[in-house]
C-alpha atoms as a PDB file:
ATOM      1  CA  UNK A   1      11.477 -17.133  -5.679  1.00  0.00           C
ATOM      2  CA  UNK A   2      10.766 -13.640  -6.991  1.00  0.00           C
ATOM      3  CA  UNK A   3      13.100 -14.205  -9.955  1.00  0.00           C
ATOM      4  CA  UNK A   4      11.215 -17.391 -10.834  1.00  0.00           C
ATOM      5  CA  UNK A   5       7.883 -15.639 -10.369  1.00  0.00           C
ATOM      6  CA  UNK A   6       8.781 -12.935 -12.912  1.00  0.00           C
ATOM      7  CA  UNK A   7       9.413 -15.458 -15.693  1.00  0.00           C
ATOM      8  CA  UNK A   8       6.734 -15.416 -18.438  1.00  0.00           C
ATOM      9  CA  UNK A   9       5.936 -19.110 -17.883  1.00  0.00           C
ATOM     10  CA  UNK A  10       4.756 -18.314 -14.350  1.00  0.00           C
ATOM     11  CA  UNK A  11       3.277 -14.870 -14.957  1.00  0.00           C
ATOM     12  CA  UNK A  12       1.107 -15.897 -17.905  1.00  0.00           C
ATOM     13  CA  UNK A  13       0.284 -12.204 -18.402  1.00  0.00           C
ATOM     14  CA  UNK A  14      -0.727 -11.781 -14.747  1.00  0.00           C
ATOM     15  CA  UNK A  15       0.599  -9.225 -12.284  1.00  0.00           C
ATOM     16  CA  UNK A  16       1.116  -9.199  -8.526  1.00  0.00           C
ATOM     17  CA  UNK A  17       0.171  -6.445  -6.111  1.00  0.00           C
ATOM     18  CA  UNK A  18       2.962  -6.013  -3.557  1.00  0.00           C
ATOM     19  CA  UNK A  19       2.045  -4.832  -0.051  1.00  0.00           C
ATOM     20  CA  UNK A  20       3.626  -1.589   1.130  1.00  0.00           C
ATOM     21  CA  UNK A  21       4.290  -3.151   4.515  1.00  0.00           C
ATOM     22  CA  UNK A  22       6.332  -6.270   3.973  1.00  0.00           C
ATOM     23  CA  UNK A  23       4.900  -9.516   5.331  1.00  0.00           C
ATOM     24  CA  UNK A  24       8.177 -11.382   5.085  1.00  0.00           C
ATOM     25  CA  UNK A  25      11.434 -11.058   6.912  1.00  0.00           C
ATOM     26  CA  UNK A  26      14.991 -11.564   5.710  1.00  0.00           C
ATOM     27  CA  UNK A  27      16.852 -13.828   8.121  1.00  0.00           C
ATOM     28  CA  UNK A  28      19.703 -15.242   6.075  1.00  0.00           C
ATOM     29  CA  UNK A  29      23.037 -13.574   5.522  1.00  0.00           C
ATOM     30  CA  UNK A  30      23.840 -15.874   2.619  1.00  0.00           C
ATOM     31  CA  UNK A  31      21.679 -17.483   0.013  1.00  0.00           C
ATOM     32  CA  UNK A  32      21.374 -18.102  -3.691  1.00  0.00           C
ATOM     33  CA  UNK A  33      22.146 -14.457  -4.444  1.00  0.00           C
ATOM     34  CA  UNK A  34      25.240 -14.484  -2.145  1.00  0.00           C
ATOM     35  CA  UNK A  35      23.977 -11.439  -0.217  1.00  0.00           C
ATOM     36  CA  UNK A  36      23.800  -9.432  -3.441  1.00  0.00           C
ATOM     37  CA  UNK A  37      20.843  -7.419  -2.113  1.00  0.00           C
ATOM     38  CA  UNK A  38      21.502  -7.552   1.625  1.00  0.00           C
ATOM     39  CA  UNK A  39      21.799  -3.750   1.848  1.00  0.00           C
ATOM     40  CA  UNK A  40      18.089  -3.588   0.924  1.00  0.00           C
ATOM     41  CA  UNK A  41      16.839  -6.688   2.710  1.00  0.00           C
ATOM     42  CA  UNK A  42      18.392  -6.271   6.160  1.00  0.00           C
ATOM     43  CA  UNK A  43      16.347  -3.130   6.863  1.00  0.00           C
ATOM     44  CA  UNK A  44      12.941  -4.712   6.219  1.00  0.00           C
ATOM     45  CA  UNK A  45      10.570  -3.986   9.080  1.00  0.00           C
ATOM     46  CA  UNK A  46       7.697  -6.337   9.764  1.00  0.00           C
ATOM     47  CA  UNK A  47       4.229  -4.947  10.355  1.00  0.00           C
ATOM     48  CA  UNK A  48       3.617  -4.805  14.102  1.00  0.00           C
ATOM     49  CA  UNK A  49      -0.099  -3.974  13.986  1.00  0.00           C
ATOM     50  CA  UNK A  50      -2.665  -6.780  13.785  1.00  0.00           C
ATOM     51  CA  UNK A  51      -5.043  -6.608  10.831  1.00  0.00           C
ATOM     52  CA  UNK A  52      -8.007  -8.979  10.697  1.00  0.00           C
ATOM     53  CA  UNK A  53      -8.115  -9.511   6.934  1.00  0.00           C
ATOM     54  CA  UNK A  54     -11.209 -11.694   7.306  1.00  0.00           C
ATOM     55  CA  UNK A  55     -13.314  -8.586   7.912  1.00  0.00           C
ATOM     56  CA  UNK A  56     -11.523  -6.160   5.579  1.00  0.00           C
ATOM     57  CA  UNK A  57     -13.279  -5.514   2.263  1.00  0.00           C
ATOM     58  CA  UNK A  58     -10.625  -6.327  -0.316  1.00  0.00           C
ATOM     59  CA  UNK A  59     -12.802  -6.044  -3.426  1.00  0.00           C
ATOM     60  CA  UNK A  60     -10.848  -2.967  -4.527  1.00  0.00           C
ATOM     61  CA  UNK A  61      -7.831  -5.241  -5.036  1.00  0.00           C
ATOM     62  CA  UNK A  62      -9.523  -7.198  -7.827  1.00  0.00           C
ATOM     63  CA  UNK A  63      -7.854  -6.526 -11.160  1.00  0.00           C
ATOM     64  CA  UNK A  64     -10.708  -4.631 -12.814  1.00  0.00           C
ATOM     65  CA  UNK A  65     -11.020  -2.207  -9.884  1.00  0.00           C
ATOM     66  CA  UNK A  66      -7.352  -2.002  -8.889  1.00  0.00           C
ATOM     67  CA  UNK A  67      -6.170  -1.079 -12.362  1.00  0.00           C
ATOM     68  CA  UNK A  68      -8.602   1.831 -12.561  1.00  0.00           C
ATOM     69  CA  UNK A  69      -7.910   3.076  -9.029  1.00  0.00           C
ATOM     70  CA  UNK A  70      -4.134   2.667  -9.033  1.00  0.00           C
ATOM     71  CA  UNK A  71      -3.389   3.908 -12.545  1.00  0.00           C
ATOM     72  CA  UNK A  72      -5.802   6.845 -12.102  1.00  0.00           C
ATOM     73  CA  UNK A  73      -3.935   7.935  -8.949  1.00  0.00           C
ATOM     74  CA  UNK A  74      -0.615   7.634 -10.736  1.00  0.00           C
ATOM     75  CA  UNK A  75      -1.789   9.638 -13.744  1.00  0.00           C
ATOM     76  CA  UNK A  76      -2.900  12.444 -11.399  1.00  0.00           C
ATOM     77  CA  UNK A  77       0.544  12.643  -9.799  1.00  0.00           C
ATOM     78  CA  UNK A  78       2.722  15.427 -11.227  1.00  0.00           C
ATOM     79  CA  UNK A  79       5.650  14.310 -13.375  1.00  0.00           C
ATOM     80  CA  UNK A  80       9.098  15.198 -12.034  1.00  0.00           C
ATOM     81  CA  UNK A  81      12.645  14.184 -12.880  1.00  0.00           C
ATOM     82  CA  UNK A  82      15.476  13.127 -10.630  1.00  0.00           C
ATOM     83  CA  UNK A  83      16.750  16.716 -10.757  1.00  0.00           C
ATOM     84  CA  UNK A  84      13.380  18.381 -10.020  1.00  0.00           C
ATOM     85  CA  UNK A  85      12.269  15.966  -7.265  1.00  0.00           C
ATOM     86  CA  UNK A  86      11.889  17.911  -4.020  1.00  0.00           C
ATOM     87  CA  UNK A  87      10.668  17.181  -0.512  1.00  0.00           C
ATOM     88  CA  UNK A  88       9.109  20.656  -0.606  1.00  0.00           C
ATOM     89  CA  UNK A  89       6.936  19.750  -3.604  1.00  0.00           C
ATOM     90  CA  UNK A  90       3.813  17.598  -3.938  1.00  0.00           C
ATOM     91  CA  UNK A  91       3.559  14.593  -1.627  1.00  0.00           C
ATOM     92  CA  UNK A  92       2.902  12.186  -4.514  1.00  0.00           C
ATOM     93  CA  UNK A  93       4.810  12.342  -7.812  1.00  0.00           C
ATOM     94  CA  UNK A  94       5.978  10.176 -10.662  1.00  0.00           C
ATOM     95  CA  UNK A  95       9.143   9.833 -12.662  1.00  0.00           C
ATOM     96  CA  UNK A  96       8.929   8.306 -16.121  1.00  0.00           C
ATOM     97  CA  UNK A  97      11.530   5.881 -17.419  1.00  0.00           C
ATOM     98  CA  UNK A  98      12.005   5.391 -21.152  1.00  0.00           C
ATOM     99  CA  UNK A  99      13.943   2.124 -21.104  1.00  0.00           C
ATOM    100  CA  UNK A 100      14.860  -0.537 -18.597  1.00  0.00           C
ATOM    101  CA  UNK A 101      18.583   0.180 -18.667  1.00  0.00           C
ATOM    102  CA  UNK A 102      21.361   1.919 -20.541  1.00  0.00           C
ATOM    103  CA  UNK A 103      20.393   5.602 -20.325  1.00  0.00           C
ATOM    104  CA  UNK A 104      20.171   8.247 -17.623  1.00  0.00           C
ATOM    105  CA  UNK A 105      16.364   8.120 -17.899  1.00  0.00           C
ATOM    106  CA  UNK A 106      16.231   4.313 -17.630  1.00  0.00           C
ATOM    107  CA  UNK A 107      14.579   2.358 -14.834  1.00  0.00           C
ATOM    108  CA  UNK A 108      17.997   1.208 -13.577  1.00  0.00           C
ATOM    109  CA  UNK A 109      19.354   4.779 -13.395  1.00  0.00           C
ATOM    110  CA  UNK A 110      16.243   6.066 -11.605  1.00  0.00           C
ATOM    111  CA  UNK A 111      16.215   3.098  -9.207  1.00  0.00           C
ATOM    112  CA  UNK A 112      19.846   3.740  -8.274  1.00  0.00           C
ATOM    113  CA  UNK A 113      19.084   7.439  -7.731  1.00  0.00           C
ATOM    114  CA  UNK A 114      16.115   6.493  -5.523  1.00  0.00           C
ATOM    115  CA  UNK A 115      18.163   3.967  -3.546  1.00  0.00           C
ATOM    116  CA  UNK A 116      16.027   0.946  -4.444  1.00  0.00           C
ATOM    117  CA  UNK A 117      16.836  -2.384  -6.069  1.00  0.00           C
ATOM    118  CA  UNK A 118      17.568  -1.962  -9.744  1.00  0.00           C
ATOM    119  CA  UNK A 119      17.077  -5.663 -10.411  1.00  0.00           C
ATOM    120  CA  UNK A 120      15.276  -6.662 -13.628  1.00  0.00           C
ATOM    121  CA  UNK A 121      14.310 -10.230 -14.520  1.00  0.00           C
ATOM    122  CA  UNK A 122      12.464 -11.212 -17.724  1.00  0.00           C
ATOM    123  CA  UNK A 123      12.046  -7.463 -18.465  1.00  0.00           C
ATOM    124  CA  UNK A 124      10.189  -6.941 -15.171  1.00  0.00           C
ATOM    125  CA  UNK A 125      11.642  -4.626 -12.495  1.00  0.00           C
ATOM    126  CA  UNK A 126      11.537  -6.081  -8.985  1.00  0.00           C
ATOM    127  CA  UNK A 127       8.197  -5.274  -7.270  1.00  0.00           C
ATOM    128  CA  UNK A 128       6.733  -3.793 -10.473  1.00  0.00           C
ATOM    129  CA  UNK A 129       3.020  -3.871 -11.215  1.00  0.00           C
ATOM    130  CA  UNK A 130       2.577  -3.446 -14.970  1.00  0.00           C
ATOM    131  CA  UNK A 131       6.006  -1.823 -15.050  1.00  0.00           C
ATOM    132  CA  UNK A 132       5.204   0.596 -12.201  1.00  0.00           C
ATOM    133  CA  UNK A 133       7.307   0.610  -9.039  1.00  0.00           C
ATOM    134  CA  UNK A 134       5.862   2.688  -6.194  1.00  0.00           C
ATOM    135  CA  UNK A 135       8.043   3.621  -3.234  1.00  0.00           C
ATOM    136  CA  UNK A 136       8.384   6.175  -0.474  1.00  0.00           C
ATOM    137  CA  UNK A 137      11.375   8.487  -0.862  1.00  0.00           C
ATOM    138  CA  UNK A 138      12.034  11.188   1.725  1.00  0.00           C
ATOM    139  CA  UNK A 139       8.363  11.162   2.777  1.00  0.00           C
ATOM    140  CA  UNK A 140       7.136  11.488  -0.818  1.00  0.00           C
ATOM    141  CA  UNK A 141       5.136   8.768  -2.580  1.00  0.00           C
ATOM    142  CA  UNK A 142       7.130   8.199  -5.765  1.00  0.00           C
ATOM    143  CA  UNK A 143       5.836   6.168  -8.712  1.00  0.00           C
ATOM    144  CA  UNK A 144       8.512   5.110 -11.198  1.00  0.00           C
ATOM    145  CA  UNK A 145       6.526   4.468 -14.353  1.00  0.00           C
ATOM    146  CA  UNK A 146       7.125   3.362 -17.916  1.00  0.00           C
ATOM    147  CA  UNK A 147       6.518   5.976 -20.612  1.00  0.00           C
ATOM    148  CA  UNK A 148       3.317   4.277 -21.802  1.00  0.00           C
ATOM    149  CA  UNK A 149       1.449   5.131 -18.560  1.00  0.00           C
ATOM    150  CA  UNK A 150      -0.062   8.420 -19.756  1.00  0.00           C
END
């Protein structure tokens, strides 16, 4: 499903905001991918706190507001590298990738260092929003961003 969704014919230039707390659960040991990503999927934890989304103001998630809010927060985060990343440093940082794969500063190399899926489909990293993948690593909010987010 997520591979199909990343294809240009489905995206049509649109992007998807992924929730930090997963709303899905991985139940199958085998599937189309033959458990290729089971090391990542088997540890998914479902949200256990009820949220009444009918009363939550979600206007900030609209594209015009989200882009400003999200990208502004990312631009404020100090830039680090895989070698300067530290749990003793700032609690929100970003690492810039200069290509999707093939170099030590590529998305794939950084994703492997961070312990996340390095999967790319149709030039879109898994869970990316405009090329940005935000994760938690060792208690630090880490944004893995393309070089053009400056």
